[in-house]
Every structure is written in C-alpha cells, then in structure tokens.
Amino acid sequence: MRILHTADWQVGMRAAHLGDKGERVRLARLESGRRVIDEARREKVDLVVVAGDTFEDNGVDRLKVREVAKILGGAGCPVYLIPGNHDPMTPGSVWEDASWGEFANLHILKESVPVEIAGAVLYPCPVAAGDSKEDPTAWIHAGPEKIAIGIAHGSVENAGYEQVMPIAHNAAALRGLDYLALGHFHSKTLYGDAGGAFRMAYSGTHEPTDFSEHDSGNVLVVEIPNHGAAPQIQTLRTRSLEWLSYRRKIEQPGEMGRLAVELDGLSAPEHTLLKCVLEGTLFGSDHEALGKVMEIVEGRFLFGRAEMERLVPDQGGPDWFKHLPNGYLRDAAQELLAQAGGNPPDAVASAALMEFARLWREAI
C-alpha cells in the first residue's frame, strides 16, 4: 500500500507580518496544494491522508474551502481528511460546507472510529477541541489482520514545542499501528522505533509558513508492503517559495562585504523570503557594505527583513566621517555613533546613522 501523507495546509492564513507580500504567500499555499495532488497522481498512491489544519480557521472564506475541495477532488484516488486544532469539528465549521459532497473521493473523518478500506484499516483522530490535553490516539487498539494506519493531529511528547493534544513518542508501537500520520508540527520529523523502523512522522506543512521551520515544504510518500513491515518513506518537495534565514556574527573587517556578495548571488529572489540577522561589530570600513546588504535584503527579494539590533559600531567611526565638515553635522554623527555603540546598543541610533550615511553619500 502506498499513501501520500500531508498536513497543515492552513489555507487562509493571514501572514500579516509580511505586509503587502502576504497575499503572494497565501496564494502559494493553493499552488503547492496543486503540487501535492500532482505528486499523488505521479506516484500512483492508493490514498492521500491530510492530518489536520487544512485551513487556518473555521472562518475561512467558503470560496477557498471550495477551491481546496476541488484540488483534492482531482487526486484520482481516495482522500481522507481529519479536522485539526485550527479547523476543529465544531458547529459551523468548514467541514459542513456542501462542496465536500461534490467529489466522491473525498472523505471527512469526523469520528474516532476505525474505517475499513481496501487492504487496510484507518484509525482517525479528528480534533473537536483545539486545546485538549488528552492523547487523541489513546482509543486506538489496532488488530493484527490488516495494515493499520493512524491519522492524528497533536504534539508528540517532549518534542520541545506547544504541548496540546499530547501524543506518546512511541504511539505507533503502543497502538499497534504500522504507520501514524501526524499533523500540527510544520517541520518534517520522523520517529524511529526500537527496531529502527520509522512508523510515525510529521510530514510538515506542504508550503513553509515561517523562517523558524527547519524542513518544511514537503509531503511524504509512505509504502507499507504488509502488516508488520517497516514503512519505506520518501520525501517529495512541494513548496513554491523559499524561506531563508541568515544569521551572521561579524568579527572581522570585510565580512560584511562578503555577505553582500553572497546574498546578491542567491538564485530565484522573486520566489524567496529572506531574514538576515546581524550581530557583532560594524567596522568603520564596512558601513558602505552594510548599506549594500540592507539594499539587497529589502529590495531584491519577494520579502526581506534585516535585524541588526545586536550589531554594534566600533568607536573609530565610518570612513565617511572624515569628510564631514566641522559643526553640527559632525557633532550629530558622533552623537549617533556613541548611542549606537552604547551599553546597551541603541538600535534606533544605528538605523539613524545608516540613514545619515545614505543621505551623505547622495549629497556628495
């Protein structure tokens, strides 16, 4: 049996922190949803499982709900979905929309009861209360006759993130499952059992949602030859946008210029969101290079954000200081330099010093 495991599409997410680029990110979630279904057809899987949080919340525009139903309806195989903590099974939820009934291959699993399918049994764990502290898989007692596949949404215990709907780290073995398809955590994570087989996994979101995700933008194709056999798991990329996070500690003169060259050489900037976090020392000779870094980060990519609150100018001052005339311009620049390099450093003064440098370059 071959299944495609996906989760956490979160269609309708607001992405307000991305400003006017949020709409492009929202559209990407649907684009990548189509890629998921393309992979399902290409891989000739027997079924698709969607392990919760298909939508950002139950207030999502119903036009988007119908668009998702249409995408999944084209899979060419059965698709089984469970509600997650973002889109729980509550009155008035997205799961009551009539569009789900328009496609014979779509199955919303609304109850924690076994579902017999050809050659296997599904054990769904739909979410009815997003803040539950109960293990959603606790009810499962899989039999030995057929391939047993669990579908759950929650937090694997001791995983270091939000603990809601807690799931035992060895839940697949405890419940007699051949594979447990998980949703909730956006980074792909596989859990090995005592025999070295990976019987439970987060597929991660199909399209990244944040810079903190370490391996997202994928789906998993899982092949289970028979009950008891170790699943064979293949990772397929589905993301359409790249989220890159650069963190650099500047310790030597010239490093800022090399960083500018590196960032300028990144491919596909129109499909890239970039966060650049700088710390260390801003040397006098590197002020112009810092301006170049800021120009590249904020102007070259689909979205770019630079964080430099921990970047402290050295007290020698930038090279252009020596060209400032005596008087209020030089005094103002020296005052900003002192504040930017103070203890603690003043990020506002640092930003003002950079703007001062930009205006001075334009003036001369």
Protein backbone atom coordinates (compact mmCIF):
# COMPACT_ATOMS: atom_id res chain seq x y z
CA MET A 1 0.00 0.00 0.00
CA ARG A 2 1.24 3.47 -0.95
CA ILE A 3 -0.09 6.54 0.78
CA LEU A 4 0.69 10.23 0.43
CA HIS A 5 0.83 11.94 3.82
CA THR A 6 0.35 15.70 4.04
CA ALA A 7 -0.88 18.14 6.70
CA ASP A 8 -1.08 21.75 7.83
CA TRP A 9 -2.00 23.42 4.56
CA GLN A 10 -3.54 26.25 6.63
CA VAL A 11 -5.24 27.78 3.63
CA GLY A 12 -6.45 31.26 4.55
CA MET A 13 -3.51 32.13 6.80
CA ARG A 14 -3.22 35.91 7.12
CA ALA A 15 0.57 36.31 7.02
CA ALA A 16 0.09 39.83 8.36
CA HIS A 17 3.78 40.05 9.34
CA LEU A 18 4.66 40.04 5.64
CA GLY A 19 2.74 43.20 4.83
CA ASP A 20 1.70 43.55 1.20
CA LYS A 21 3.55 40.32 0.34
CA GLY A 22 1.10 38.30 2.41
CA GLU A 23 -1.26 37.74 -0.50
CA ARG A 24 1.52 36.14 -2.57
CA VAL A 25 2.25 33.78 0.33
CA ARG A 26 -1.43 32.94 0.71
CA LEU A 27 -1.72 32.10 -2.99
CA ALA A 28 1.36 29.89 -2.73
CA ARG A 29 -0.48 27.60 -0.33
CA LEU A 30 -3.02 26.78 -3.03
CA GLU A 31 -0.31 26.47 -5.70
CA SER A 32 1.53 23.97 -3.53
CA GLY A 33 -1.73 22.15 -2.82
CA ARG A 34 -1.97 21.50 -6.54
CA ARG A 35 1.61 20.21 -6.50
CA VAL A 36 0.66 17.78 -3.73
CA ILE A 37 -2.08 16.33 -5.91
CA ASP A 38 0.23 16.24 -8.92
CA GLU A 39 2.62 14.12 -6.84
CA ALA A 40 -0.19 11.84 -5.70
CA ARG A 41 -1.09 11.13 -9.30
CA ARG A 42 2.53 10.81 -10.43
CA GLU A 43 3.36 8.40 -7.60
CA LYS A 44 0.16 6.41 -8.19
CA VAL A 45 -0.62 6.28 -4.48
CA ASP A 46 -3.58 4.30 -3.18
CA LEU A 47 -4.81 7.12 -0.97
CA VAL A 48 -3.99 10.57 0.39
CA VAL A 49 -4.26 11.40 4.08
CA VAL A 50 -4.45 15.01 5.30
CA ALA A 51 -3.62 15.08 9.01
CA GLY A 52 -5.40 18.25 10.12
CA ASP A 53 -5.23 22.04 9.84
CA THR A 54 -6.17 22.10 6.19
CA PHE A 55 -7.47 25.61 6.95
CA GLU A 56 -6.23 28.45 9.12
CA ASP A 57 -9.55 28.53 10.98
CA ASN A 58 -13.25 27.83 10.59
CA GLY A 59 -13.91 31.39 9.46
CA VAL A 60 -12.08 30.93 6.16
CA ASP A 61 -13.87 32.30 3.10
CA ARG A 62 -16.03 29.48 1.74
CA LEU A 63 -14.73 30.16 -1.76
CA LYS A 64 -11.34 28.95 -0.52
CA VAL A 65 -12.95 25.89 1.04
CA ARG A 66 -14.49 25.03 -2.32
CA GLU A 67 -11.19 25.61 -4.09
CA VAL A 68 -9.44 23.19 -1.73
CA ALA A 69 -12.20 20.61 -2.21
CA LYS A 70 -11.78 20.96 -5.97
CA ILE A 71 -8.00 20.50 -5.72
CA LEU A 72 -8.29 17.40 -3.54
CA GLY A 73 -11.15 16.09 -5.64
CA GLY A 74 -8.73 15.78 -8.55
CA ALA A 75 -6.39 13.37 -6.78
CA GLY A 76 -7.54 10.32 -8.75
CA CYS A 77 -7.66 8.30 -5.51
CA PRO A 78 -9.46 8.43 -2.15
CA VAL A 79 -8.54 11.36 0.11
CA TYR A 80 -9.11 11.14 3.87
CA LEU A 81 -9.05 14.30 5.99
CA ILE A 82 -9.32 14.94 9.71
CA PRO A 83 -10.06 18.29 11.39
CA GLY A 84 -7.13 19.82 13.30
CA ASN A 85 -6.86 22.34 16.11
CA HIS A 86 -7.09 25.28 13.67
CA ASP A 87 -10.18 23.86 11.94
CA PRO A 88 -11.79 21.64 14.60
CA MET A 89 -15.03 19.72 14.12
CA THR A 90 -17.40 22.24 15.69
CA PRO A 91 -20.82 23.58 14.65
CA GLY A 92 -20.49 25.83 11.61
CA SER A 93 -17.02 24.52 10.72
CA VAL A 94 -15.53 24.37 7.24
CA TRP A 95 -16.33 20.65 7.21
CA GLU A 96 -20.05 21.36 6.92
CA ASP A 97 -19.65 23.04 3.54
CA ALA A 98 -21.59 21.31 0.76
CA SER A 99 -18.54 21.23 -1.53
CA TRP A 100 -17.13 18.16 0.24
CA GLY A 101 -20.06 16.13 -1.04
CA GLU A 102 -19.41 17.09 -4.67
CA PHE A 103 -16.42 14.76 -5.00
CA ALA A 104 -16.89 11.06 -4.41
CA ASN A 105 -13.23 10.51 -3.44
CA LEU A 106 -13.27 12.96 -0.50
CA HIS A 107 -13.89 11.60 2.98
CA ILE A 108 -14.03 13.81 6.07
CA LEU A 109 -13.34 11.58 9.07
CA LYS A 110 -15.38 13.19 11.83
CA GLU A 111 -15.33 10.42 14.44
CA SER A 112 -12.71 8.37 16.23
CA VAL A 113 -13.81 5.03 14.83
CA PRO A 114 -11.97 2.54 12.58
CA VAL A 115 -12.54 2.95 8.85
CA GLU A 116 -12.19 -0.15 6.68
CA ILE A 117 -10.60 0.42 3.29
CA ALA A 118 -9.20 -1.99 0.71
CA GLY A 119 -6.29 -3.80 2.35
CA ALA A 120 -6.08 -1.60 5.44
CA VAL A 121 -7.85 -0.01 8.39
CA LEU A 122 -7.65 3.72 9.13
CA TYR A 123 -7.74 4.98 12.69
CA PRO A 124 -8.63 8.68 12.51
CA CYS A 125 -8.28 11.08 15.44
CA PRO A 126 -10.27 14.19 14.46
CA VAL A 127 -9.98 17.27 16.67
CA ALA A 128 -13.12 18.61 18.31
CA ALA A 129 -11.41 20.87 20.87
CA GLY A 130 -8.17 22.57 19.90
CA ASP A 131 -6.95 22.96 23.49
CA SER A 132 -7.39 19.32 24.54
CA LYS A 133 -4.84 17.83 26.92
CA GLU A 134 -5.86 14.26 26.12
CA ASP A 135 -3.86 11.95 23.85
CA PRO A 136 -6.02 11.72 20.70
CA THR A 137 -4.61 8.27 19.86
CA ALA A 138 -5.44 6.68 23.23
CA TRP A 139 -8.56 4.97 21.87
CA ILE A 140 -6.72 3.01 19.16
CA HIS A 141 -6.27 -0.75 19.54
CA ALA A 142 -5.31 -1.96 16.08
CA GLY A 143 -5.88 -5.59 15.18
CA PRO A 144 -3.24 -7.83 13.61
CA GLU A 145 -5.05 -8.72 10.40
CA LYS A 146 -4.63 -5.70 8.12
CA ILE A 147 -2.29 -2.78 7.61
CA ALA A 148 -3.14 -0.27 10.34
CA ILE A 149 -2.76 3.46 9.62
CA GLY A 150 -3.42 6.13 12.22
CA ILE A 151 -4.14 9.79 11.36
CA ALA A 152 -3.70 12.22 14.25
CA HIS A 153 -3.10 15.89 14.97
CA GLY A 154 -1.19 16.94 18.06
CA SER A 155 2.14 17.34 19.87
CA VAL A 156 4.49 14.42 20.31
CA GLU A 157 5.57 14.44 23.97
CA ASN A 158 8.92 16.01 24.92
CA ALA A 159 9.35 17.45 21.44
CA GLY A 160 10.07 20.95 22.73
CA TYR A 161 7.09 22.80 21.32
CA GLU A 162 3.49 23.61 22.23
CA GLN A 163 2.00 20.70 24.16
CA VAL A 164 -1.63 20.40 23.11
CA MET A 165 -3.28 17.13 22.18
CA PRO A 166 -0.21 15.26 23.53
CA ILE A 167 0.83 12.11 21.68
CA ALA A 168 3.19 9.49 23.11
CA HIS A 169 6.60 9.39 21.40
CA ASN A 170 6.05 5.65 20.79
CA ALA A 171 2.35 5.90 19.96
CA ALA A 172 2.60 3.77 16.81
CA ALA A 173 4.01 0.83 18.78
CA LEU A 174 1.62 1.37 21.70
CA ARG A 175 -1.42 1.35 19.42
CA GLY A 176 -0.32 -1.46 17.10
CA LEU A 177 -0.05 0.82 14.07
CA ASP A 178 2.05 0.21 11.00
CA TYR A 179 2.18 3.96 10.41
CA LEU A 180 0.92 7.03 12.26
CA ALA A 181 0.48 10.10 10.02
CA LEU A 182 0.84 13.22 12.15
CA GLY A 183 -0.07 16.86 11.71
CA HIS A 184 0.48 20.02 13.81
CA PHE A 185 4.27 20.43 13.69
CA HIS A 186 5.29 22.22 10.47
CA SER A 187 8.77 20.73 10.09
CA LYS A 188 9.20 17.21 8.74
CA THR A 189 10.08 14.87 11.61
CA LEU A 190 10.36 11.07 11.61
CA TYR A 191 10.27 8.91 14.74
CA GLY A 192 12.10 5.59 14.83
CA ASP A 193 11.01 2.64 16.91
CA ALA A 194 13.15 0.19 18.87
CA GLY A 195 13.80 -1.82 15.71
CA GLY A 196 14.90 1.17 13.69
CA ALA A 197 11.73 1.44 11.61
CA PHE A 198 10.04 4.83 11.15
CA ARG A 199 6.38 4.17 11.93
CA MET A 200 5.26 7.69 12.83
CA ALA A 201 6.06 11.02 11.26
CA TYR A 202 5.10 14.62 10.74
CA SER A 203 5.05 15.37 7.05
CA GLY A 204 5.36 19.06 7.90
CA THR A 205 3.43 21.70 6.02
CA HIS A 206 3.38 21.47 2.23
CA GLU A 207 4.40 25.17 1.96
CA PRO A 208 6.54 26.92 4.60
CA THR A 209 4.88 29.41 6.91
CA ASP A 210 7.78 30.85 8.92
CA PHE A 211 11.55 31.30 8.99
CA SER A 212 11.82 29.04 12.04
CA GLU A 213 10.77 25.85 10.21
CA HIS A 214 13.78 23.63 9.59
CA ASP A 215 12.46 21.19 6.99
CA SER A 216 9.05 22.14 5.65
CA GLY A 217 7.50 22.36 2.21
CA ASN A 218 7.28 18.61 1.59
CA VAL A 219 4.96 15.63 1.52
CA LEU A 220 5.76 12.04 2.42
CA VAL A 221 5.02 9.04 0.24
CA VAL A 222 4.84 6.01 2.51
CA GLU A 223 4.92 2.45 1.19
CA ILE A 224 3.80 -0.36 3.51
CA PRO A 225 4.08 -3.79 1.84
CA ASN A 226 2.10 -5.65 4.50
CA HIS A 227 1.11 -5.55 8.15
CA GLY A 228 4.21 -5.52 10.35
CA ALA A 229 6.62 -4.47 7.60
CA ALA A 230 8.76 -1.37 8.08
CA PRO A 231 7.35 1.56 6.09
CA GLN A 232 9.51 2.97 3.31
CA ILE A 233 9.28 6.76 3.41
CA GLN A 234 10.11 9.08 0.52
CA THR A 235 10.20 12.87 0.87
CA LEU A 236 8.93 14.93 -2.06
CA ARG A 237 9.32 18.68 -2.30
CA THR A 238 6.14 20.66 -2.94
CA ARG A 239 6.97 24.21 -1.79
CA SER A 240 6.89 27.04 -4.31
CA LEU A 241 8.58 29.69 -2.13
CA GLU A 242 11.91 29.57 -0.28
CA TRP A 243 12.18 30.94 3.26
CA LEU A 244 15.85 31.58 4.08
CA SER A 245 17.25 32.69 7.40
CA TYR A 246 20.78 34.09 7.60
CA ARG A 247 22.40 34.73 10.97
CA ARG A 248 25.90 36.20 10.88
CA LYS A 249 28.26 37.39 13.59
CA ILE A 250 30.61 39.96 12.09
CA GLU A 251 34.04 39.68 13.72
CA GLN A 252 36.48 40.93 11.08
CA PRO A 253 36.57 43.88 8.65
CA GLY A 254 35.45 42.83 5.18
CA GLU A 255 32.99 40.16 6.30
CA MET A 256 30.07 42.49 5.63
CA GLY A 257 31.14 42.95 2.02
CA ARG A 258 31.45 39.20 1.51
CA LEU A 259 27.96 38.74 2.94
CA ALA A 260 26.61 41.30 0.45
CA VAL A 261 28.16 39.35 -2.43
CA GLU A 262 26.72 36.08 -1.08
CA LEU A 263 23.20 37.48 -0.73
CA ASP A 264 23.35 39.12 -4.13
CA GLY A 265 24.20 35.75 -5.66
CA LEU A 266 21.18 33.87 -4.30
CA SER A 267 19.03 32.43 -7.07
CA ALA A 268 15.30 32.97 -7.67
CA PRO A 269 14.96 36.09 -5.48
CA GLU A 270 11.43 36.65 -6.76
CA HIS A 271 10.43 33.38 -5.02
CA THR A 272 12.49 33.93 -1.87
CA LEU A 273 11.66 35.36 1.56
CA LEU A 274 14.78 36.28 3.48
CA LYS A 275 15.52 37.15 7.09
CA CYS A 276 19.04 38.42 7.79
CA VAL A 277 20.08 38.71 11.46
CA LEU A 278 23.36 40.54 12.06
CA GLU A 279 25.36 40.75 15.26
CA GLY A 280 28.94 41.54 16.21
CA THR A 281 30.92 44.61 15.22
CA LEU A 282 30.25 47.11 12.47
CA PHE A 283 33.73 48.25 11.48
CA GLY A 284 34.30 51.74 10.14
CA SER A 285 35.28 50.43 6.71
CA ASP A 286 32.12 48.32 6.46
CA HIS A 287 29.41 50.97 6.75
CA GLU A 288 29.02 51.17 2.98
CA ALA A 289 28.90 47.37 2.74
CA LEU A 290 26.17 47.32 5.39
CA GLY A 291 24.18 49.74 3.28
CA LYS A 292 24.59 47.35 0.36
CA VAL A 293 23.41 44.42 2.49
CA MET A 294 20.32 46.36 3.54
CA GLU A 295 19.63 47.38 -0.05
CA ILE A 296 19.85 43.76 -1.22
CA VAL A 297 17.77 42.32 1.64
CA GLU A 298 14.99 44.87 1.41
CA GLY A 299 14.92 45.37 -2.36
CA ARG A 300 15.93 42.21 -4.17
CA PHE A 301 13.67 39.52 -2.73
CA LEU A 302 9.96 38.81 -2.64
CA PHE A 303 10.23 39.75 1.03
CA GLY A 304 13.27 40.74 3.05
CA ARG A 305 13.83 41.74 6.65
CA ALA A 306 17.11 42.72 8.29
CA GLU A 307 17.59 42.64 12.05
CA MET A 308 20.69 44.46 13.28
CA GLU A 309 19.86 45.36 16.88
CA ARG A 310 22.92 43.42 18.09
CA LEU A 311 25.32 44.92 15.55
CA VAL A 312 27.47 47.49 17.39
CA PRO A 313 29.56 50.11 15.53
CA ASP A 314 33.20 50.36 16.59
CA GLN A 315 34.07 53.73 18.04
CA GLY A 316 36.51 54.61 15.27
CA GLY A 317 33.62 55.75 13.13
CA PRO A 318 32.95 55.04 9.47
CA ASP A 319 35.32 56.23 6.74
CA TRP A 320 32.93 58.93 5.59
CA PHE A 321 33.14 60.69 8.97
CA LYS A 322 36.40 62.33 7.93
CA HIS A 323 34.63 64.11 5.07
CA LEU A 324 32.03 65.71 7.33
CA PRO A 325 32.52 69.42 7.90
CA ASN A 326 33.12 70.61 11.42
CA GLY A 327 29.96 71.75 13.15
CA TYR A 328 26.52 70.33 13.73
CA LEU A 329 26.74 67.58 11.05
CA ARG A 330 29.88 66.06 12.54
CA ASP A 331 28.56 66.54 16.08
CA ALA A 332 25.27 64.81 15.22
CA ALA A 333 27.07 61.89 13.58
CA GLN A 334 29.39 61.46 16.57
CA GLU A 335 26.43 61.54 18.95
CA LEU A 336 24.60 58.85 16.94
CA LEU A 337 27.76 56.75 16.88
CA ALA A 338 28.11 56.99 20.66
CA GLN A 339 24.49 56.00 21.23
CA ALA A 340 24.62 53.15 18.69
CA GLY A 341 27.68 51.69 20.41
CA GLY A 342 26.45 52.23 23.94
CA ASN A 343 25.58 49.65 26.57
CA PRO A 344 23.04 48.53 25.64
CA PRO A 345 23.35 49.42 21.95
CA ASP A 346 20.69 51.80 20.64
CA ALA A 347 19.12 50.21 17.55
CA VAL A 348 17.30 53.43 16.66
CA ALA A 349 20.58 55.34 16.68
CA SER A 350 22.17 52.64 14.50
CA ALA A 351 19.35 52.94 11.97
CA ALA A 352 19.62 56.74 12.06
CA LEU A 353 23.37 56.51 11.50
CA MET A 354 22.80 54.34 8.42
CA GLU A 355 20.25 56.79 7.07
CA PHE A 356 22.69 59.63 7.75
CA ALA A 357 25.31 57.74 5.71
CA ARG A 358 22.88 57.20 2.82
CA LEU A 359 21.91 60.88 2.69
CA TRP A 360 25.55 61.95 2.91
CA ARG A 361 26.55 59.68 0.00
CA GLU A 362 23.73 61.15 -2.09
CA ALA A 363 24.79 64.69 -1.17
CA ILE A 364 28.38 64.23 -2.28
